Structures are given as structure tokens and as C-alpha cells.
mmCIF file of all heavy atoms, coordinates in Angstrom:
data_MODEL
# 
_entry.id   MODEL 
# 
loop_
_atom_site.group_PDB 
_atom_site.id 
_atom_site.type_symbol 
_atom_site.label_atom_id 
_atom_site.label_alt_id 
_atom_site.label_comp_id 
_atom_site.label_asym_id 
_atom_site.label_entity_id 
_atom_site.label_seq_id 
_atom_site.pdbx_PDB_ins_code 
_atom_site.Cartn_x 
_atom_site.Cartn_y 
_atom_site.Cartn_z 
_atom_site.occupancy 
_atom_site.B_iso_or_equiv 
_atom_site.pdbx_formal_charge 
_atom_site.auth_seq_id 
_atom_site.auth_comp_id 
_atom_site.auth_asym_id 
_atom_site.auth_atom_id 
_atom_site.pdbx_PDB_model_num 
ATOM 1   N N   . HIS A 1 1  ? 6.632   -0.779 -6.141  1.00 0.00 ? 1  HIS A N   1 
ATOM 2   C CA  . HIS A 1 1  ? 6.621   -0.228 -7.496  1.00 0.00 ? 1  HIS A CA  1 
ATOM 3   C C   . HIS A 1 1  ? 6.192   -1.245 -8.544  1.00 0.00 ? 1  HIS A C   1 
ATOM 4   O O   . HIS A 1 1  ? 6.061   -0.909 -9.719  1.00 0.00 ? 1  HIS A O   1 
ATOM 5   C CB  . HIS A 1 1  ? 8.023   0.282  -7.869  1.00 0.00 ? 1  HIS A CB  1 
ATOM 6   C CG  . HIS A 1 1  ? 8.249   1.713  -7.534  1.00 0.00 ? 1  HIS A CG  1 
ATOM 7   N ND1 . HIS A 1 1  ? 8.368   2.163  -6.246  1.00 0.00 ? 1  HIS A ND1 1 
ATOM 8   C CD2 . HIS A 1 1  ? 8.375   2.794  -8.327  1.00 0.00 ? 1  HIS A CD2 1 
ATOM 9   C CE1 . HIS A 1 1  ? 8.565   3.459  -6.257  1.00 0.00 ? 1  HIS A CE1 1 
ATOM 10  N NE2 . HIS A 1 1  ? 8.579   3.875  -7.496  1.00 0.00 ? 1  HIS A NE2 1 
ATOM 11  N N   . TYR A 1 2  ? 6.023   -2.494 -8.168  1.00 0.00 ? 2  TYR A N   1 
ATOM 12  C CA  . TYR A 1 2  ? 5.769   -3.545 -9.147  1.00 0.00 ? 2  TYR A CA  1 
ATOM 13  C C   . TYR A 1 2  ? 4.310   -3.951 -9.251  1.00 0.00 ? 2  TYR A C   1 
ATOM 14  O O   . TYR A 1 2  ? 3.902   -4.500 -10.257 1.00 0.00 ? 2  TYR A O   1 
ATOM 15  C CB  . TYR A 1 2  ? 6.632   -4.777 -8.821  1.00 0.00 ? 2  TYR A CB  1 
ATOM 16  C CG  . TYR A 1 2  ? 8.085   -4.422 -8.819  1.00 0.00 ? 2  TYR A CG  1 
ATOM 17  C CD1 . TYR A 1 2  ? 8.785   -4.255 -7.633  1.00 0.00 ? 2  TYR A CD1 1 
ATOM 18  C CD2 . TYR A 1 2  ? 8.766   -4.204 -10.013 1.00 0.00 ? 2  TYR A CD2 1 
ATOM 19  C CE1 . TYR A 1 2  ? 10.123  -3.903 -7.635  1.00 0.00 ? 2  TYR A CE1 1 
ATOM 20  C CE2 . TYR A 1 2  ? 10.096  -3.849 -10.028 1.00 0.00 ? 2  TYR A CE2 1 
ATOM 21  C CZ  . TYR A 1 2  ? 10.764  -3.705 -8.837  1.00 0.00 ? 2  TYR A CZ  1 
ATOM 22  O OH  . TYR A 1 2  ? 12.080  -3.342 -8.843  1.00 0.00 ? 2  TYR A OH  1 
ATOM 23  N N   . GLU A 1 3  ? 3.525   -3.688 -8.221  1.00 0.00 ? 3  GLU A N   1 
ATOM 24  C CA  . GLU A 1 3  ? 2.109   -4.036 -8.255  1.00 0.00 ? 3  GLU A CA  1 
ATOM 25  C C   . GLU A 1 3  ? 1.300   -2.773 -8.527  1.00 0.00 ? 3  GLU A C   1 
ATOM 26  O O   . GLU A 1 3  ? 1.387   -1.802 -7.770  1.00 0.00 ? 3  GLU A O   1 
ATOM 27  C CB  . GLU A 1 3  ? 1.679   -4.658 -6.925  1.00 0.00 ? 3  GLU A CB  1 
ATOM 28  C CG  . GLU A 1 3  ? 0.249   -5.136 -6.930  1.00 0.00 ? 3  GLU A CG  1 
ATOM 29  C CD  . GLU A 1 3  ? -0.146  -5.776 -5.601  1.00 0.00 ? 3  GLU A CD  1 
ATOM 30  O OE1 . GLU A 1 3  ? 0.680   -5.847 -4.674  1.00 0.00 ? 3  GLU A OE1 1 
ATOM 31  O OE2 . GLU A 1 3  ? -1.305  -6.191 -5.502  1.00 0.00 ? 3  GLU A OE2 1 
ATOM 32  N N   . THR A 1 4  ? 0.528   -2.781 -9.604  1.00 0.00 ? 4  THR A N   1 
ATOM 33  C CA  . THR A 1 4  ? -0.284  -1.616 -9.947  1.00 0.00 ? 4  THR A CA  1 
ATOM 34  C C   . THR A 1 4  ? -1.684  -1.774 -9.368  1.00 0.00 ? 4  THR A C   1 
ATOM 35  O O   . THR A 1 4  ? -2.156  -2.883 -9.131  1.00 0.00 ? 4  THR A O   1 
ATOM 36  C CB  . THR A 1 4  ? -0.383  -1.426 -11.471 1.00 0.00 ? 4  THR A CB  1 
ATOM 37  O OG1 . THR A 1 4  ? -0.993  -2.573 -12.053 1.00 0.00 ? 4  THR A OG1 1 
ATOM 38  C CG2 . THR A 1 4  ? 0.993   -1.202 -12.082 1.00 0.00 ? 4  THR A CG2 1 
ATOM 39  N N   . HIS A 1 5  ? -2.330  -0.623 -9.149  1.00 0.00 ? 5  HIS A N   1 
ATOM 40  C CA  . HIS A 1 5  ? -3.672  -0.598 -8.558  1.00 0.00 ? 5  HIS A CA  1 
ATOM 41  C C   . HIS A 1 5  ? -4.527  0.402  -9.330  1.00 0.00 ? 5  HIS A C   1 
ATOM 42  O O   . HIS A 1 5  ? -4.015  1.381  -9.870  1.00 0.00 ? 5  HIS A O   1 
ATOM 43  C CB  . HIS A 1 5  ? -3.589  -0.188 -7.080  1.00 0.00 ? 5  HIS A CB  1 
ATOM 44  C CG  . HIS A 1 5  ? -2.742  -1.118 -6.274  1.00 0.00 ? 5  HIS A CG  1 
ATOM 45  N ND1 . HIS A 1 5  ? -3.217  -2.294 -5.762  1.00 0.00 ? 5  HIS A ND1 1 
ATOM 46  C CD2 . HIS A 1 5  ? -1.436  -1.057 -5.934  1.00 0.00 ? 5  HIS A CD2 1 
ATOM 47  C CE1 . HIS A 1 5  ? -2.243  -2.920 -5.126  1.00 0.00 ? 5  HIS A CE1 1 
ATOM 48  N NE2 . HIS A 1 5  ? -1.151  -2.188 -5.215  1.00 0.00 ? 5  HIS A NE2 1 
ATOM 49  N N   . PRO A 1 6  ? -5.846  0.178  -9.356  1.00 0.00 ? 6  PRO A N   1 
ATOM 50  C CA  . PRO A 1 6  ? -6.720  1.056  -10.143 1.00 0.00 ? 6  PRO A CA  1 
ATOM 51  C C   . PRO A 1 6  ? -6.930  2.441  -9.548  1.00 0.00 ? 6  PRO A C   1 
ATOM 52  O O   . PRO A 1 6  ? -7.211  3.384  -10.277 1.00 0.00 ? 6  PRO A O   1 
ATOM 53  C CB  . PRO A 1 6  ? -8.040  0.285  -10.216 1.00 0.00 ? 6  PRO A CB  1 
ATOM 54  C CG  . PRO A 1 6  ? -8.012  -0.668 -9.079  1.00 0.00 ? 6  PRO A CG  1 
ATOM 55  C CD  . PRO A 1 6  ? -6.565  -0.985 -8.824  1.00 0.00 ? 6  PRO A CD  1 
ATOM 56  N N   . THR A 1 7  ? -6.811  2.589  -8.221  1.00 0.00 ? 7  THR A N   1 
ATOM 57  C CA  . THR A 1 7  ? -7.061  3.888  -7.583  1.00 0.00 ? 7  THR A CA  1 
ATOM 58  C C   . THR A 1 7  ? -6.051  4.128  -6.464  1.00 0.00 ? 7  THR A C   1 
ATOM 59  O O   . THR A 1 7  ? -5.459  3.183  -5.929  1.00 0.00 ? 7  THR A O   1 
ATOM 60  C CB  . THR A 1 7  ? -8.475  3.952  -6.964  1.00 0.00 ? 7  THR A CB  1 
ATOM 61  O OG1 . THR A 1 7  ? -8.532  3.016  -5.872  1.00 0.00 ? 7  THR A OG1 1 
ATOM 62  C CG2 . THR A 1 7  ? -9.557  3.657  -7.985  1.00 0.00 ? 7  THR A CG2 1 
ATOM 63  N N   . PRO A 1 8  ? -5.879  5.395  -6.055  1.00 0.00 ? 8  PRO A N   1 
ATOM 64  C CA  . PRO A 1 8  ? -5.013  5.686  -4.911  1.00 0.00 ? 8  PRO A CA  1 
ATOM 65  C C   . PRO A 1 8  ? -5.507  5.017  -3.622  1.00 0.00 ? 8  PRO A C   1 
ATOM 66  O O   . PRO A 1 8  ? -4.707  4.625  -2.780  1.00 0.00 ? 8  PRO A O   1 
ATOM 67  C CB  . PRO A 1 8  ? -5.062  7.210  -4.803  1.00 0.00 ? 8  PRO A CB  1 
ATOM 68  C CG  . PRO A 1 8  ? -5.377  7.671  -6.181  1.00 0.00 ? 8  PRO A CG  1 
ATOM 69  C CD  . PRO A 1 8  ? -6.303  6.623  -6.739  1.00 0.00 ? 8  PRO A CD  1 
ATOM 70  N N   . ARG A 1 9  ? -6.820  4.877  -3.453  1.00 0.00 ? 9  ARG A N   1 
ATOM 71  C CA  . ARG A 1 9  ? -7.354  4.196  -2.273  1.00 0.00 ? 9  ARG A CA  1 
ATOM 72  C C   . ARG A 1 9  ? -6.858  2.750  -2.226  1.00 0.00 ? 9  ARG A C   1 
ATOM 73  O O   . ARG A 1 9  ? -6.445  2.255  -1.183  1.00 0.00 ? 9  ARG A O   1 
ATOM 74  C CB  . ARG A 1 9  ? -8.879  4.218  -2.282  1.00 0.00 ? 9  ARG A CB  1 
ATOM 75  C CG  . ARG A 1 9  ? -9.499  3.506  -1.070  1.00 0.00 ? 9  ARG A CG  1 
ATOM 76  C CD  . ARG A 1 9  ? -10.996 3.298  -1.208  1.00 0.00 ? 9  ARG A CD  1 
ATOM 77  N NE  . ARG A 1 9  ? -11.702 4.501  -1.545  1.00 0.00 ? 9  ARG A NE  1 
ATOM 78  C CZ  . ARG A 1 9  ? -12.500 5.163  -0.710  1.00 0.00 ? 9  ARG A CZ  1 
ATOM 79  N NH1 . ARG A 1 9  ? -12.689 4.736  0.509   1.00 0.00 ? 9  ARG A NH1 1 
ATOM 80  N NH2 . ARG A 1 9  ? -13.116 6.250  -1.122  1.00 0.00 ? 9  ARG A NH2 1 
ATOM 81  N N   . ASP A 1 10 ? -6.871  2.088  -3.373  1.00 0.00 ? 10 ASP A N   1 
ATOM 82  C CA  . ASP A 1 10 ? -6.381  0.711  -3.435  1.00 0.00 ? 10 ASP A CA  1 
ATOM 83  C C   . ASP A 1 10 ? -4.878  0.643  -3.153  1.00 0.00 ? 10 ASP A C   1 
ATOM 84  O O   . ASP A 1 10 ? -4.402  -0.307 -2.532  1.00 0.00 ? 10 ASP A O   1 
ATOM 85  C CB  . ASP A 1 10 ? -6.693  0.086  -4.794  1.00 0.00 ? 10 ASP A CB  1 
ATOM 86  C CG  . ASP A 1 10 ? -8.184  -0.091 -5.014  1.00 0.00 ? 10 ASP A CG  1 
ATOM 87  O OD1 . ASP A 1 10 ? -8.893  -0.453 -4.053  1.00 0.00 ? 10 ASP A OD1 1 
ATOM 88  O OD2 . ASP A 1 10 ? -8.642  0.143  -6.148  1.00 0.00 ? 10 ASP A OD2 1 
ATOM 89  N N   . VAL A 1 11 ? -4.130  1.649  -3.600  1.00 0.00 ? 11 VAL A N   1 
ATOM 90  C CA  . VAL A 1 11 ? -2.691  1.712  -3.314  1.00 0.00 ? 11 VAL A CA  1 
ATOM 91  C C   . VAL A 1 11 ? -2.477  1.856  -1.804  1.00 0.00 ? 11 VAL A C   1 
ATOM 92  O O   . VAL A 1 11 ? -1.622  1.187  -1.220  1.00 0.00 ? 11 VAL A O   1 
ATOM 93  C CB  . VAL A 1 11 ? -2.022  2.884  -4.067  1.00 0.00 ? 11 VAL A CB  1 
ATOM 94  C CG1 . VAL A 1 11 ? -0.602  3.102  -3.588  1.00 0.00 ? 11 VAL A CG1 1 
ATOM 95  C CG2 . VAL A 1 11 ? -2.034  2.635  -5.551  1.00 0.00 ? 11 VAL A CG2 1 
ATOM 96  N N   . ALA A 1 12 ? -3.248  2.728  -1.159  1.00 0.00 ? 12 ALA A N   1 
ATOM 97  C CA  . ALA A 1 12 ? -3.116  2.936  0.281   1.00 0.00 ? 12 ALA A CA  1 
ATOM 98  C C   . ALA A 1 12 ? -3.438  1.656  1.042   1.00 0.00 ? 12 ALA A C   1 
ATOM 99  O O   . ALA A 1 12 ? -2.727  1.283  1.985   1.00 0.00 ? 12 ALA A O   1 
ATOM 100 C CB  . ALA A 1 12 ? -4.025  4.079  0.729   1.00 0.00 ? 12 ALA A CB  1 
ATOM 101 N N   . ARG A 1 13 ? -4.496  0.982  0.642   1.00 0.00 ? 13 ARG A N   1 
ATOM 102 C CA  . ARG A 1 13 ? -4.870  -0.274 1.307   1.00 0.00 ? 13 ARG A CA  1 
ATOM 103 C C   . ARG A 1 13 ? -3.769  -1.328 1.136   1.00 0.00 ? 13 ARG A C   1 
ATOM 104 O O   . ARG A 1 13 ? -3.429  -2.034 2.087   1.00 0.00 ? 13 ARG A O   1 
ATOM 105 C CB  . ARG A 1 13 ? -6.190  -0.794 0.754   1.00 0.00 ? 13 ARG A CB  1 
ATOM 106 C CG  . ARG A 1 13 ? -7.382  0.047  1.183   1.00 0.00 ? 13 ARG A CG  1 
ATOM 107 C CD  . ARG A 1 13 ? -8.649  -0.445 0.530   1.00 0.00 ? 13 ARG A CD  1 
ATOM 108 N NE  . ARG A 1 13 ? -9.819  0.275  1.032   1.00 0.00 ? 13 ARG A NE  1 
ATOM 109 C CZ  . ARG A 1 13 ? -11.031 0.130  0.536   1.00 0.00 ? 13 ARG A CZ  1 
ATOM 110 N NH1 . ARG A 1 13 ? -11.244 -0.700 -0.469  1.00 0.00 ? 13 ARG A NH1 1 
ATOM 111 N NH2 . ARG A 1 13 ? -12.037 0.804  1.049   1.00 0.00 ? 13 ARG A NH2 1 
ATOM 112 N N   . ALA A 1 14 ? -3.218  -1.428 -0.063  1.00 0.00 ? 14 ALA A N   1 
ATOM 113 C CA  . ALA A 1 14 ? -2.143  -2.398 -0.308  1.00 0.00 ? 14 ALA A CA  1 
ATOM 114 C C   . ALA A 1 14 ? -0.910  -2.046 0.529   1.00 0.00 ? 14 ALA A C   1 
ATOM 115 O O   . ALA A 1 14 ? -0.237  -2.937 1.065   1.00 0.00 ? 14 ALA A O   1 
ATOM 116 C CB  . ALA A 1 14 ? -1.783  -2.426 -1.788  1.00 0.00 ? 14 ALA A CB  1 
ATOM 117 N N   . ALA A 1 15 ? -0.616  -0.763 0.663   1.00 0.00 ? 15 ALA A N   1 
ATOM 118 C CA  . ALA A 1 15 ? 0.537   -0.337 1.462   1.00 0.00 ? 15 ALA A CA  1 
ATOM 119 C C   . ALA A 1 15 ? 0.339   -0.708 2.934   1.00 0.00 ? 15 ALA A C   1 
ATOM 120 O O   . ALA A 1 15 ? 1.275   -1.160 3.595   1.00 0.00 ? 15 ALA A O   1 
ATOM 121 C CB  . ALA A 1 15 ? 0.767   1.166  1.306   1.00 0.00 ? 15 ALA A CB  1 
ATOM 122 N N   . VAL A 1 16 ? -0.884  -0.536 3.434   1.00 0.00 ? 16 VAL A N   1 
ATOM 123 C CA  . VAL A 1 16 ? -1.174  -0.924 4.814   1.00 0.00 ? 16 VAL A CA  1 
ATOM 124 C C   . VAL A 1 16 ? -0.923  -2.414 4.998   1.00 0.00 ? 16 VAL A C   1 
ATOM 125 O O   . VAL A 1 16 ? -0.288  -2.837 5.975   1.00 0.00 ? 16 VAL A O   1 
ATOM 126 C CB  . VAL A 1 16 ? -2.623  -0.551 5.202   1.00 0.00 ? 16 VAL A CB  1 
ATOM 127 C CG1 . VAL A 1 16 ? -3.048  -1.236 6.500   1.00 0.00 ? 16 VAL A CG1 1 
ATOM 128 C CG2 . VAL A 1 16 ? -2.768  0.957  5.323   1.00 0.00 ? 16 VAL A CG2 1 
ATOM 129 N N   . ARG A 1 17 ? -1.381  -3.209 4.055   1.00 0.00 ? 17 ARG A N   1 
ATOM 130 C CA  . ARG A 1 17 ? -1.158  -4.660 4.146   1.00 0.00 ? 17 ARG A CA  1 
ATOM 131 C C   . ARG A 1 17 ? 0.343   -4.974 4.083   1.00 0.00 ? 17 ARG A C   1 
ATOM 132 O O   . ARG A 1 17 ? 0.840   -5.794 4.861   1.00 0.00 ? 17 ARG A O   1 
ATOM 133 C CB  . ARG A 1 17 ? -1.901  -5.394 3.024   1.00 0.00 ? 17 ARG A CB  1 
ATOM 134 C CG  . ARG A 1 17 ? -3.415  -5.392 3.199   1.00 0.00 ? 17 ARG A CG  1 
ATOM 135 C CD  . ARG A 1 17 ? -4.099  -6.304 2.192   1.00 0.00 ? 17 ARG A CD  1 
ATOM 136 N NE  . ARG A 1 17 ? -3.800  -5.992 0.813   1.00 0.00 ? 17 ARG A NE  1 
ATOM 137 C CZ  . ARG A 1 17 ? -4.487  -5.134 0.052   1.00 0.00 ? 17 ARG A CZ  1 
ATOM 138 N NH1 . ARG A 1 17 ? -5.522  -4.495 0.557   1.00 0.00 ? 17 ARG A NH1 1 
ATOM 139 N NH2 . ARG A 1 17 ? -4.145  -4.930 -1.211  1.00 0.00 ? 17 ARG A NH2 1 
ATOM 140 N N   . ASP A 1 18 ? 1.062   -4.319 3.163   1.00 0.00 ? 18 ASP A N   1 
ATOM 141 C CA  . ASP A 1 18 ? 2.495   -4.581 3.007   1.00 0.00 ? 18 ASP A CA  1 
ATOM 142 C C   . ASP A 1 18 ? 3.306   -4.117 4.229   1.00 0.00 ? 18 ASP A C   1 
ATOM 143 O O   . ASP A 1 18 ? 4.302   -4.747 4.585   1.00 0.00 ? 18 ASP A O   1 
ATOM 144 C CB  . ASP A 1 18 ? 3.041   -3.917 1.747   1.00 0.00 ? 18 ASP A CB  1 
ATOM 145 C CG  . ASP A 1 18 ? 2.546   -4.581 0.470   1.00 0.00 ? 18 ASP A CG  1 
ATOM 146 O OD1 . ASP A 1 18 ? 2.048   -5.726 0.539   1.00 0.00 ? 18 ASP A OD1 1 
ATOM 147 O OD2 . ASP A 1 18 ? 2.658   -3.951 -0.600  1.00 0.00 ? 18 ASP A OD2 1 
ATOM 148 N N   . LEU A 1 19 ? 2.896   -3.006 4.834   1.00 0.00 ? 19 LEU A N   1 
ATOM 149 C CA  . LEU A 1 19 ? 3.604   -2.497 6.003   1.00 0.00 ? 19 LEU A CA  1 
ATOM 150 C C   . LEU A 1 19 ? 3.444   -3.431 7.206   1.00 0.00 ? 19 LEU A C   1 
ATOM 151 O O   . LEU A 1 19 ? 4.315   -3.480 8.069   1.00 0.00 ? 19 LEU A O   1 
ATOM 152 C CB  . LEU A 1 19 ? 3.112   -1.091 6.359   1.00 0.00 ? 19 LEU A CB  1 
ATOM 153 C CG  . LEU A 1 19 ? 3.579   0.021  5.442   1.00 0.00 ? 19 LEU A CG  1 
ATOM 154 C CD1 . LEU A 1 19 ? 2.794   1.302  5.708   1.00 0.00 ? 19 LEU A CD1 1 
ATOM 155 C CD2 . LEU A 1 19 ? 5.076   0.255  5.595   1.00 0.00 ? 19 LEU A CD2 1 
ATOM 156 N N   . ASN A 1 20 ? 2.329   -4.121 7.269   1.00 0.00 ? 20 ASN A N   1 
ATOM 157 C CA  . ASN A 1 20 ? 2.090   -5.104 8.331   1.00 0.00 ? 20 ASN A CA  1 
ATOM 158 C C   . ASN A 1 20 ? 2.372   -4.526 9.717   1.00 0.00 ? 20 ASN A C   1 
ATOM 159 O O   . ASN A 1 20 ? 3.076   -5.124 10.530  1.00 0.00 ? 20 ASN A O   1 
ATOM 160 C CB  . ASN A 1 20 ? 2.937   -6.352 8.069   1.00 0.00 ? 20 ASN A CB  1 
ATOM 161 C CG  . ASN A 1 20 ? 2.445   -7.550 8.864   1.00 0.00 ? 20 ASN A CG  1 
ATOM 162 O OD1 . ASN A 1 20 ? 1.288   -7.601 9.254   1.00 0.00 ? 20 ASN A OD1 1 
ATOM 163 N ND2 . ASN A 1 20 ? 3.330   -8.503 9.097   1.00 0.00 ? 20 ASN A ND2 1 
ATOM 164 N N   . GLY A 1 21 ? 1.861   -3.303 9.958   1.00 0.00 ? 21 GLY A N   1 
ATOM 165 C CA  . GLY A 1 21 ? 2.014   -2.664 11.269  1.00 0.00 ? 21 GLY A CA  1 
ATOM 166 C C   . GLY A 1 21 ? 3.186   -1.714 11.369  1.00 0.00 ? 21 GLY A C   1 
ATOM 167 O O   . GLY A 1 21 ? 3.258   -0.926 12.327  1.00 0.00 ? 21 GLY A O   1 
ATOM 168 N N   . ALA A 1 22 ? 4.132   -1.762 10.453  1.00 0.00 ? 22 ALA A N   1 
ATOM 169 C CA  . ALA A 1 22 ? 5.284   -0.856 10.501  1.00 0.00 ? 22 ALA A CA  1 
ATOM 170 C C   . ALA A 1 22 ? 4.861   0.557  10.125  1.00 0.00 ? 22 ALA A C   1 
ATOM 171 O O   . ALA A 1 22 ? 3.857   0.768  9.457   1.00 0.00 ? 22 ALA A O   1 
ATOM 172 C CB  . ALA A 1 22 ? 6.368   -1.333 9.531   1.00 0.00 ? 22 ALA A CB  1 
ATOM 173 N N   . SER A 1 23 ? 5.633   1.529  10.583  1.00 0.00 ? 23 SER A N   1 
ATOM 174 C CA  . SER A 1 23 ? 5.375   2.935  10.250  1.00 0.00 ? 23 SER A CA  1 
ATOM 175 C C   . SER A 1 23 ? 6.050   3.297  8.945   1.00 0.00 ? 23 SER A C   1 
ATOM 176 O O   . SER A 1 23 ? 7.075   2.713  8.582   1.00 0.00 ? 23 SER A O   1 
ATOM 177 C CB  . SER A 1 23 ? 5.905   3.846  11.354  1.00 0.00 ? 23 SER A CB  1 
ATOM 178 O OG  . SER A 1 23 ? 5.224   3.614  12.561  1.00 0.00 ? 23 SER A OG  1 
ATOM 179 N N   . LEU A 1 24 ? 5.484   4.306  8.276   1.00 0.00 ? 24 LEU A N   1 
ATOM 180 C CA  . LEU A 1 24 ? 6.132   4.834  7.069   1.00 0.00 ? 24 LEU A CA  1 
ATOM 181 C C   . LEU A 1 24 ? 7.356   5.647  7.483   1.00 0.00 ? 24 LEU A C   1 
ATOM 182 O O   . LEU A 1 24 ? 7.343   6.354  8.486   1.00 0.00 ? 24 LEU A O   1 
ATOM 183 C CB  . LEU A 1 24 ? 5.186   5.756  6.305   1.00 0.00 ? 24 LEU A CB  1 
ATOM 184 C CG  . LEU A 1 24 ? 4.142   5.091  5.423   1.00 0.00 ? 24 LEU A CG  1 
ATOM 185 C CD1 . LEU A 1 24 ? 3.187   6.149  4.871   1.00 0.00 ? 24 LEU A CD1 1 
ATOM 186 C CD2 . LEU A 1 24 ? 4.801   4.367  4.294   1.00 0.00 ? 24 LEU A CD2 1 
ATOM 187 N N   . VAL A 1 25 ? 8.401   5.567  6.701   1.00 0.00 ? 25 VAL A N   1 
ATOM 188 C CA  . VAL A 1 25 ? 9.605   6.367  6.929   1.00 0.00 ? 25 VAL A CA  1 
ATOM 189 C C   . VAL A 1 25 ? 9.605   7.459  5.861   1.00 0.00 ? 25 VAL A C   1 
ATOM 190 O O   . VAL A 1 25 ? 9.401   7.168  4.675   1.00 0.00 ? 25 VAL A O   1 
ATOM 191 C CB  . VAL A 1 25 ? 10.872  5.488  6.809   1.00 0.00 ? 25 VAL A CB  1 
ATOM 192 C CG1 . VAL A 1 25 ? 12.113  6.331  6.942   1.00 0.00 ? 25 VAL A CG1 1 
ATOM 193 C CG2 . VAL A 1 25 ? 10.840  4.383  7.849   1.00 0.00 ? 25 VAL A CG2 1 
# 
């Protein structure tokens, strides 16, 4: 919630990096 992104695609990419292989719950 603290890092903003210009587009939803950028949010998805950042989430993939942050998840580091983990699955979404």
C-alpha cells in the first residue's frame, strides 16, 4: 500500500517481484 505505480500493469509486476514466488492468498 505504500509504493504507488503509474498503471495496473506496473502494480502487477511489482507484486510479482514482492511475492518472490509465493502464491496470492
